N, C-alpha and C. Protein backbone atom coordinates (compact mmCIF):
# COMPACT_ATOMS: atom_id res chain seq x y z
N MET A 1 52.14 46.06 -9.38
CA MET A 1 52.47 44.93 -9.61
C MET A 1 52.25 43.62 -9.89
N MET A 2 51.46 42.85 -10.18
CA MET A 2 51.10 41.18 -9.51
C MET A 2 52.38 40.45 -10.08
N LYS A 3 52.53 39.35 -9.54
CA LYS A 3 53.19 38.75 -9.81
C LYS A 3 53.50 37.31 -10.31
N ASN A 4 53.98 37.62 -11.41
CA ASN A 4 54.10 35.91 -12.58
C ASN A 4 53.83 34.94 -11.04
N THR A 5 52.58 34.24 -11.36
CA THR A 5 51.93 33.17 -10.79
C THR A 5 51.56 31.87 -11.32
N SER A 6 52.19 30.56 -11.60
CA SER A 6 51.36 29.73 -12.49
C SER A 6 51.02 28.70 -11.69
N ARG A 7 49.39 28.39 -11.82
CA ARG A 7 49.33 26.88 -10.68
C ARG A 7 48.57 26.55 -11.50
N ALA A 8 48.35 25.17 -10.93
CA ALA A 8 47.60 23.59 -11.67
C ALA A 8 46.81 23.19 -10.80
N SER A 9 46.29 21.76 -10.51
CA SER A 9 45.73 21.21 -9.99
C SER A 9 46.20 19.58 -10.27
N VAL A 10 46.32 18.39 -9.37
CA VAL A 10 46.49 17.57 -9.10
C VAL A 10 45.78 16.34 -9.20
N TYR A 11 45.09 15.49 -9.50
CA TYR A 11 44.58 14.82 -8.93
C TYR A 11 44.99 13.07 -8.78
N PHE A 12 44.73 12.68 -7.55
CA PHE A 12 45.05 11.14 -8.05
C PHE A 12 43.97 10.32 -7.15
N ASN A 13 43.77 8.74 -7.32
CA ASN A 13 43.07 8.28 -7.10
C ASN A 13 43.59 6.89 -6.67
N GLY A 14 44.96 6.58 -6.80
CA GLY A 14 45.16 5.19 -6.55
C GLY A 14 45.30 4.87 -7.70
N ASP A 15 44.50 4.69 -9.03
CA ASP A 15 44.40 4.10 -10.67
C ASP A 15 45.82 5.44 -11.43
N LEU A 16 45.14 6.54 -11.17
CA LEU A 16 46.02 8.09 -12.18
C LEU A 16 46.35 9.17 -10.99
N TYR A 17 46.62 9.86 -12.48
CA TYR A 17 47.30 11.21 -11.82
C TYR A 17 46.80 11.86 -13.35
N GLU A 18 46.21 12.99 -12.82
CA GLU A 18 45.84 13.69 -14.01
C GLU A 18 46.06 15.34 -13.38
N PHE A 19 46.59 15.61 -14.33
CA PHE A 19 47.46 17.26 -14.09
C PHE A 19 46.39 18.21 -14.79
N ILE A 20 46.31 19.51 -14.58
CA ILE A 20 45.41 20.31 -14.78
C ILE A 20 45.89 21.61 -14.66
N THR A 21 46.19 21.98 -16.00
CA THR A 21 46.81 23.18 -15.63
C THR A 21 45.49 24.24 -15.50
N MET A 22 46.41 25.20 -14.59
CA MET A 22 44.94 26.53 -14.45
C MET A 22 45.17 28.08 -14.32
N SER A 23 44.05 28.24 -15.20
CA SER A 23 44.18 30.33 -15.12
C SER A 23 43.84 30.82 -14.31
N GLN A 24 44.31 32.37 -14.52
CA GLN A 24 43.67 33.13 -13.07
C GLN A 24 43.08 33.98 -14.29
N GLY A 25 41.95 34.61 -13.69
CA GLY A 25 41.16 34.99 -13.81
C GLY A 25 40.51 35.86 -12.51
N MET A 26 39.04 36.43 -12.41
CA MET A 26 38.33 36.33 -11.62
C MET A 26 38.70 35.88 -10.28
N LEU A 27 38.96 34.71 -11.13
CA LEU A 27 38.57 32.78 -10.29
C LEU A 27 39.65 32.41 -11.37
N ASN A 28 40.18 30.94 -10.44
CA ASN A 28 40.86 30.20 -11.37
C ASN A 28 39.98 29.39 -11.85
N TYR A 29 40.71 29.14 -13.01
CA TYR A 29 39.99 28.01 -13.97
C TYR A 29 40.66 27.03 -14.81
N ALA A 30 39.80 26.27 -15.34
CA ALA A 30 40.77 25.42 -15.71
C ALA A 30 41.55 25.78 -17.59
N GLU A 31 42.39 25.72 -17.41
CA GLU A 31 42.94 26.69 -18.73
C GLU A 31 42.52 25.31 -20.38
N PRO A 32 41.84 26.09 -20.92
CA PRO A 32 41.23 25.10 -22.31
C PRO A 32 41.82 25.02 -23.05
N GLU A 33 43.39 25.89 -23.25
CA GLU A 33 44.64 25.29 -24.06
C GLU A 33 45.61 24.43 -23.53
N ALA A 34 45.20 24.07 -22.31
CA ALA A 34 45.87 22.97 -22.16
C ALA A 34 45.48 22.21 -21.84
N THR A 35 46.23 21.29 -23.05
CA THR A 35 45.69 19.59 -22.77
C THR A 35 45.97 18.64 -21.24
N PRO A 36 45.02 18.74 -20.53
CA PRO A 36 45.49 17.89 -18.64
C PRO A 36 46.16 16.36 -19.28
N GLN A 37 47.02 16.37 -18.64
CA GLN A 37 48.14 15.06 -18.40
C GLN A 37 47.49 13.94 -18.34
N ILE A 38 47.21 12.88 -18.48
CA ILE A 38 46.86 11.37 -17.22
C ILE A 38 47.96 10.48 -17.32
N LEU A 39 48.49 10.43 -15.73
CA LEU A 39 49.82 9.45 -16.25
C LEU A 39 49.64 8.60 -14.93
N SER A 40 50.08 7.30 -15.29
CA SER A 40 49.01 6.16 -14.89
C SER A 40 50.57 5.84 -13.05
N HIS A 41 49.47 5.20 -12.28
CA HIS A 41 49.61 4.95 -11.01
C HIS A 41 51.43 4.75 -10.86
N THR A 42 51.95 4.06 -11.94
CA THR A 42 53.18 3.27 -12.09
C THR A 42 53.86 4.09 -12.42
N SER A 43 53.67 5.03 -12.45
CA SER A 43 54.47 6.78 -13.02
C SER A 43 55.99 7.29 -12.30
N THR A 44 56.69 7.24 -12.72
CA THR A 44 57.99 8.00 -12.25
C THR A 44 57.91 8.95 -11.19
N ASP A 45 58.93 9.14 -10.66
CA ASP A 45 58.88 10.44 -9.60
C ASP A 45 59.27 11.46 -10.83
N VAL A 46 60.59 11.45 -11.79
CA VAL A 46 60.26 12.23 -12.49
C VAL A 46 59.22 12.14 -13.48
N GLN A 47 58.93 11.12 -14.19
CA GLN A 47 57.79 11.25 -14.83
C GLN A 47 56.54 12.61 -13.77
N LEU A 48 56.49 12.00 -12.77
CA LEU A 48 55.89 13.15 -12.19
C LEU A 48 55.54 14.65 -12.57
N GLY A 49 56.83 14.57 -11.65
CA GLY A 49 58.27 16.59 -11.48
C GLY A 49 57.69 16.78 -13.26
N GLU A 50 58.11 16.50 -14.67
CA GLU A 50 57.93 16.82 -15.85
C GLU A 50 56.52 17.78 -16.41
N ALA A 51 55.84 16.41 -15.91
CA ALA A 51 54.26 16.87 -15.83
C ALA A 51 53.75 17.88 -15.54
N LEU A 52 54.19 17.98 -14.37
CA LEU A 52 53.96 19.16 -13.19
C LEU A 52 54.27 20.76 -13.80
N ARG A 53 55.78 20.02 -13.80
CA ARG A 53 56.38 21.31 -14.41
C ARG A 53 55.05 21.97 -15.92
N PHE A 54 55.68 20.87 -16.29
CA PHE A 54 54.28 21.39 -18.14
C PHE A 54 53.30 22.34 -17.44
N ALA A 55 52.55 21.33 -16.54
CA ALA A 55 51.57 21.87 -16.65
C ALA A 55 51.56 23.54 -15.68
N LEU A 56 52.39 23.78 -15.07
CA LEU A 56 52.58 25.02 -14.34
C LEU A 56 53.05 25.73 -15.57
N SER A 57 54.03 25.87 -16.40
CA SER A 57 54.19 26.36 -17.74
C SER A 57 53.21 27.09 -18.70
N LYS A 58 51.96 26.06 -18.59
CA LYS A 58 51.26 26.42 -19.84
C LYS A 58 49.85 27.67 -18.87
N SER A 59 50.02 27.73 -17.11
CA SER A 59 49.39 28.91 -16.72
C SER A 59 49.21 30.19 -17.36
N LYS A 60 47.83 30.79 -17.01
CA LYS A 60 48.10 32.17 -18.52
C LYS A 60 47.11 33.03 -16.50
N GLN A 61 47.44 34.08 -16.89
CA GLN A 61 46.63 35.38 -15.90
C GLN A 61 45.95 35.81 -17.57
N VAL A 62 44.66 35.89 -17.24
CA VAL A 62 43.78 36.94 -17.82
C VAL A 62 42.70 38.18 -17.32
N THR A 63 43.06 39.06 -17.75
CA THR A 63 41.79 40.11 -17.30
C THR A 63 40.49 39.94 -16.89
N VAL A 64 39.75 40.39 -16.36
CA VAL A 64 38.63 40.61 -16.04
C VAL A 64 37.73 40.06 -17.23
N ALA A 65 37.66 40.69 -17.65
CA ALA A 65 36.82 40.51 -19.22
C ALA A 65 37.11 39.51 -19.91
N GLU A 66 38.27 39.01 -20.48
CA GLU A 66 38.82 38.67 -20.64
C GLU A 66 38.19 36.42 -19.46
N PHE A 67 38.43 36.93 -18.94
CA PHE A 67 37.90 35.84 -17.87
C PHE A 67 36.48 35.68 -18.10
N GLN A 68 35.12 36.45 -18.14
CA GLN A 68 34.20 36.35 -18.31
C GLN A 68 33.95 36.01 -19.61
N GLU A 69 34.42 36.65 -20.88
CA GLU A 69 34.26 36.15 -22.03
C GLU A 69 34.86 34.47 -21.97
N ILE A 70 35.83 33.91 -21.02
CA ILE A 70 35.88 32.35 -21.38
C ILE A 70 34.52 31.98 -20.82
N PHE A 71 34.11 32.33 -19.41
CA PHE A 71 33.25 31.67 -18.39
C PHE A 71 31.69 31.61 -19.57
N LYS A 72 31.83 32.60 -19.72
CA LYS A 72 29.98 32.66 -20.41
C LYS A 72 30.12 31.25 -21.87
N SER A 73 31.27 31.56 -22.37
CA SER A 73 31.21 31.10 -23.38
C SER A 73 31.09 29.35 -23.06
N GLY A 74 30.92 28.95 -21.79
CA GLY A 74 30.56 27.15 -20.99
C GLY A 74 31.86 26.11 -22.16
N LEU A 75 32.68 27.29 -22.39
CA LEU A 75 34.36 26.19 -22.82
C LEU A 75 34.42 25.25 -21.95
N ILE A 76 35.21 25.85 -20.43
CA ILE A 76 35.19 24.85 -19.49
C ILE A 76 34.72 24.12 -19.22
N GLN A 77 33.08 24.53 -19.26
CA GLN A 77 32.72 23.43 -18.79
C GLN A 77 32.18 22.45 -19.56
N LYS A 78 32.58 22.22 -20.86
CA LYS A 78 32.54 21.87 -21.66
C LYS A 78 33.32 20.06 -22.06
N ILE A 79 34.44 21.34 -21.91
CA ILE A 79 35.87 19.92 -21.50
C ILE A 79 35.85 19.66 -20.40
N ALA A 80 35.70 20.26 -19.46
CA ALA A 80 35.59 19.26 -18.10
C ALA A 80 34.57 18.22 -18.13
N LYS A 81 33.44 17.75 -18.53
CA LYS A 81 32.82 16.71 -18.96
C LYS A 81 33.45 16.15 -19.61
N GLU A 82 33.54 16.36 -21.59
CA GLU A 82 34.11 15.54 -22.31
C GLU A 82 35.58 14.58 -21.35
N ARG A 83 36.66 15.59 -20.61
CA ARG A 83 38.01 15.33 -19.74
C ARG A 83 37.63 14.17 -19.54
N GLU A 84 36.13 14.20 -18.34
CA GLU A 84 35.82 13.37 -17.46
C GLU A 84 35.31 11.85 -18.18
N VAL A 85 34.64 12.33 -19.30
CA VAL A 85 33.96 11.01 -19.85
C VAL A 85 35.41 10.39 -20.40
N SER A 86 36.32 11.07 -21.05
CA SER A 86 37.60 10.30 -21.75
C SER A 86 38.04 9.29 -20.61
N VAL A 87 38.30 9.96 -20.03
CA VAL A 87 39.19 9.45 -18.46
C VAL A 87 38.14 8.49 -17.84
N MET A 88 36.76 8.15 -17.72
CA MET A 88 36.07 7.05 -17.67
C MET A 88 36.22 5.83 -18.42
N GLN A 89 36.02 6.16 -19.56
CA GLN A 89 36.29 5.67 -20.23
C GLN A 89 37.95 4.35 -20.66
N GLN A 90 38.27 5.09 -20.96
CA GLN A 90 39.68 4.81 -20.75
C GLN A 90 40.16 3.89 -19.08
N TYR A 91 39.93 4.66 -18.38
CA TYR A 91 39.97 3.63 -17.01
C TYR A 91 39.27 2.43 -17.05
N GLY A 92 37.85 2.60 -17.78
CA GLY A 92 36.75 1.49 -17.09
C GLY A 92 36.16 1.60 -16.02
N TYR A 93 36.04 3.26 -15.63
CA TYR A 93 35.04 3.81 -14.68
C TYR A 93 33.66 3.27 -15.13
N LYS A 94 32.89 2.92 -14.37
CA LYS A 94 31.09 2.88 -14.79
C LYS A 94 30.54 3.56 -14.48
N THR A 95 30.67 4.37 -13.65
CA THR A 95 30.13 5.77 -13.14
C THR A 95 31.35 7.30 -12.92
N ARG A 96 30.55 8.21 -12.14
CA ARG A 96 31.62 8.93 -11.84
C ARG A 96 31.72 9.29 -10.35
N LYS A 97 30.73 8.53 -9.94
CA LYS A 97 31.29 8.22 -8.35
C LYS A 97 32.31 7.28 -8.74
N SER A 98 32.24 6.35 -8.76
CA SER A 98 33.28 5.46 -8.62
C SER A 98 34.97 6.06 -8.55
N LEU A 99 34.95 7.04 -10.14
CA LEU A 99 36.06 7.46 -10.52
C LEU A 99 36.37 8.67 -9.59
N MET A 100 35.61 9.33 -9.04
CA MET A 100 35.86 10.54 -7.77
C MET A 100 36.27 9.71 -5.90
N LYS A 101 35.31 8.75 -6.01
CA LYS A 101 35.67 7.89 -5.24
C LYS A 101 36.90 8.56 -4.53
N ARG A 102 37.94 7.96 -4.45
CA ARG A 102 39.47 8.39 -3.85
C ARG A 102 40.12 8.68 -4.26
N MET A 103 39.60 10.16 -5.01
CA MET A 103 40.12 11.26 -5.81
C MET A 103 41.12 12.44 -5.09
N ASP A 104 42.31 12.23 -4.49
CA ASP A 104 42.86 13.24 -3.72
C ASP A 104 43.28 14.29 -4.52
N CYS A 105 43.36 15.80 -4.34
CA CYS A 105 44.07 16.44 -4.85
C CYS A 105 44.65 17.74 -4.09
N CYS A 106 45.73 17.85 -4.93
CA CYS A 106 47.21 19.04 -4.75
C CYS A 106 46.72 20.53 -4.96
N TRP A 107 46.38 21.62 -4.65
CA TRP A 107 46.74 22.80 -5.22
C TRP A 107 48.03 22.79 -5.94
N ILE A 108 48.87 23.21 -6.79
CA ILE A 108 49.89 23.18 -6.79
C ILE A 108 50.27 24.97 -7.46
N THR A 109 51.14 26.01 -6.69
CA THR A 109 51.12 26.53 -6.97
C THR A 109 52.99 27.48 -7.48
N GLY A 110 53.14 27.64 -8.40
CA GLY A 110 54.51 28.01 -8.74
C GLY A 110 54.65 29.79 -8.64
N GLN A 111 55.75 30.42 -7.69
CA GLN A 111 56.09 31.82 -7.88
C GLN A 111 57.39 32.22 -7.41
N GLY A 112 57.92 32.25 -9.16
CA GLY A 112 59.16 33.03 -8.73
C GLY A 112 59.91 31.60 -8.52
N GLU A 113 60.92 31.59 -6.96
CA GLU A 113 61.84 30.90 -7.13
C GLU A 113 61.48 29.74 -5.93
N LYS A 114 59.81 29.39 -5.73
CA LYS A 114 59.08 28.36 -5.27
C LYS A 114 58.07 28.47 -5.89
N ILE A 115 57.97 26.45 -5.16
CA ILE A 115 56.21 25.97 -5.67
C ILE A 115 56.03 25.39 -4.49
N GLU A 116 54.79 25.62 -4.42
CA GLU A 116 53.60 25.46 -3.25
C GLU A 116 53.13 23.93 -3.63
N ILE A 117 52.54 23.15 -2.88
CA ILE A 117 51.96 22.01 -3.31
C ILE A 117 51.04 22.08 -1.96
N LYS A 118 50.46 22.34 -1.75
CA LYS A 118 49.04 22.25 -0.68
C LYS A 118 47.68 20.95 -1.02
N PRO A 119 47.95 20.35 -0.18
CA PRO A 119 46.90 19.09 0.34
C PRO A 119 45.66 19.80 0.28
N THR A 120 44.59 19.08 -0.38
CA THR A 120 43.46 19.60 0.08
C THR A 120 42.71 18.18 0.98
N HIS A 121 41.49 18.90 1.06
CA HIS A 121 40.23 18.00 2.09
C HIS A 121 39.11 17.60 1.37
N HIS A 122 38.89 16.24 0.94
CA HIS A 122 38.38 15.80 -0.10
C HIS A 122 36.76 15.78 0.49
N LYS A 123 36.07 17.20 0.39
CA LYS A 123 35.12 16.60 1.23
C LYS A 123 33.44 16.18 0.70
N ASN A 124 33.48 16.28 -0.73
CA ASN A 124 32.49 15.61 -1.43
C ASN A 124 32.80 15.17 -2.79
N ILE A 125 31.79 14.25 -3.18
CA ILE A 125 32.53 14.38 -4.31
C ILE A 125 32.98 15.23 -5.39
N ASP A 126 32.12 16.06 -5.62
CA ASP A 126 32.63 17.01 -6.34
C ASP A 126 33.64 18.52 -5.86
N GLY A 127 33.50 18.19 -4.95
CA GLY A 127 34.58 19.84 -3.67
C GLY A 127 36.13 18.68 -2.67
N TYR A 128 36.42 20.29 -3.15
CA TYR A 128 37.80 19.79 -2.06
C TYR A 128 38.08 21.79 -1.33
N SER A 129 38.45 21.22 -0.50
CA SER A 129 38.91 22.68 0.52
C SER A 129 39.86 22.45 0.93
N GLY A 130 40.72 23.86 1.53
CA GLY A 130 42.45 23.53 1.92
C GLY A 130 42.27 23.05 3.50
N ILE A 131 43.55 22.51 3.65
CA ILE A 131 43.28 21.85 5.10
C ILE A 131 43.31 23.52 5.47
N SER A 132 44.66 24.00 5.12
CA SER A 132 45.12 24.94 5.80
C SER A 132 45.60 26.28 5.10
N ASN A 133 45.28 28.17 5.97
CA ASN A 133 46.42 28.29 4.70
C ASN A 133 47.65 28.37 4.58
N ASP A 134 48.15 27.94 6.22
CA ASP A 134 50.06 28.29 5.87
C ASP A 134 50.10 26.87 7.16
N GLY A 135 49.42 25.95 6.96
CA GLY A 135 50.20 24.67 8.13
C GLY A 135 51.29 23.76 7.99
N PRO A 136 51.58 22.98 8.82
CA PRO A 136 52.09 21.85 8.04
C PRO A 136 52.34 21.37 7.17
N GLU A 137 51.18 21.02 6.76
CA GLU A 137 50.95 20.24 5.58
C GLU A 137 51.32 20.56 4.11
N ILE A 138 51.30 21.99 4.02
CA ILE A 138 52.12 22.57 3.08
C ILE A 138 53.62 22.11 2.76
N LEU A 139 53.36 21.99 1.09
CA LEU A 139 55.05 21.81 0.92
C LEU A 139 55.68 23.00 -0.32
N VAL A 140 56.56 23.80 0.57
CA VAL A 140 57.30 24.59 -0.42
C VAL A 140 58.71 23.78 -0.75
N VAL A 141 59.19 23.97 -2.00
CA VAL A 141 60.23 23.33 -2.26
C VAL A 141 60.61 24.87 -3.69
N ALA A 142 62.21 24.50 -3.67
CA ALA A 142 62.59 25.30 -4.71
C ALA A 142 61.94 24.63 -5.84
N ALA A 143 62.05 26.16 -6.44
CA ALA A 143 61.85 25.72 -8.45
C ALA A 143 62.85 24.78 -8.97
N ASP A 144 63.77 25.01 -8.61
CA ASP A 144 65.17 25.04 -9.51
C ASP A 144 65.33 23.33 -8.93
N ILE A 145 64.81 22.36 -8.03
CA ILE A 145 64.85 21.08 -7.79
C ILE A 145 64.65 19.94 -8.69
N THR A 146 64.82 19.07 -9.05
CA THR A 146 65.20 17.92 -9.96
C THR A 146 63.77 17.59 -10.31
N ASP A 147 63.48 17.05 -11.90
CA ASP A 147 62.10 16.53 -11.81
C ASP A 147 61.65 15.63 -10.45
N SER A 148 62.87 14.53 -10.53
CA SER A 148 62.36 13.62 -9.69
C SER A 148 62.00 14.58 -7.99
N GLN A 149 63.11 15.13 -7.59
CA GLN A 149 62.81 15.63 -6.52
C GLN A 149 61.05 16.40 -6.22
N LEU A 150 60.59 17.33 -7.42
CA LEU A 150 59.58 17.37 -7.66
C LEU A 150 58.29 16.73 -7.63
N GLY A 151 58.95 15.45 -8.17
CA GLY A 151 57.47 14.59 -8.59
C GLY A 151 57.58 13.67 -7.07
N ALA A 152 58.41 13.91 -6.19
CA ALA A 152 58.19 12.99 -4.94
C ALA A 152 57.43 14.08 -3.88
N ALA A 153 58.47 14.87 -4.35
CA ALA A 153 57.69 16.28 -3.36
C ALA A 153 55.72 16.02 -3.79
N LEU A 154 54.88 15.78 -4.58
CA LEU A 154 54.27 15.68 -4.80
C LEU A 154 53.54 14.85 -4.50
N ARG A 155 53.71 13.12 -4.95
CA ARG A 155 53.63 12.53 -4.04
C ARG A 155 53.49 12.39 -2.62
N GLU A 156 54.60 13.20 -1.62
CA GLU A 156 53.79 13.47 0.08
C GLU A 156 52.85 14.23 -0.14
N GLY A 157 52.89 15.25 -0.81
CA GLY A 157 51.35 16.05 -1.03
C GLY A 157 50.52 14.61 -0.84
N PHE A 158 50.49 14.37 -1.92
CA PHE A 158 49.21 13.39 -1.58
C PHE A 158 48.65 12.71 -0.40
N SER A 159 50.26 12.48 -0.17
CA SER A 159 49.94 11.55 1.46
C SER A 159 49.50 12.50 2.61
N ARG A 160 49.51 14.04 2.61
CA ARG A 160 48.89 14.24 3.54
C ARG A 160 47.44 14.44 3.74
N CYS A 161 47.05 14.46 1.93
CA CYS A 161 45.45 14.88 2.04
C CYS A 161 44.52 14.14 2.72
N THR A 162 43.13 14.63 2.95
CA THR A 162 42.62 14.08 4.13
C THR A 162 41.65 13.66 3.27
N SER A 163 39.91 13.57 4.09
CA SER A 163 39.02 12.85 3.14
C SER A 163 37.63 12.38 3.54
N ALA A 164 36.39 12.96 3.24
CA ALA A 164 35.47 12.81 4.02
C ALA A 164 34.15 11.93 3.25
N ILE A 165 34.95 11.11 1.65
CA ILE A 165 33.86 10.08 1.53
C ILE A 165 34.62 8.74 1.71
N LEU A 166 33.84 8.42 1.62
CA LEU A 166 34.04 6.53 2.39
C LEU A 166 33.59 5.55 1.80
């Protein structure tokens, strides 16, 4: 039996945090039924922790058939494009490149009594890769820590991200 795992991807570019609930099928995908949360760079640790818990709470696991149906529908791609356009308009970015240039990403996994915050390497405008599978940059915290502690751990995760984008 598969363990109940929840996932989220959180992005930060110095101006805004974007929390995206990820669900799992054959691949991880942005959950179309979970509205992404956008928070200002001035958000408190408590607000970041609350947003992360909410994003994880909406994560789903679907069958291969359900995943294929969702993916073939084009809904995931359509929602991602609409979300990007909305964020660009709301924050005054003229181009996608200007939005994404300084965008760090942490992959979050909640499983049982722990939450793992995995900083990534921004390899190109559209892509991120894990820095390692079990390296010291990965943060593992207890799932029952306070929202403030979780938000602080997320900030620490972002401080460990790397980038090839100049």
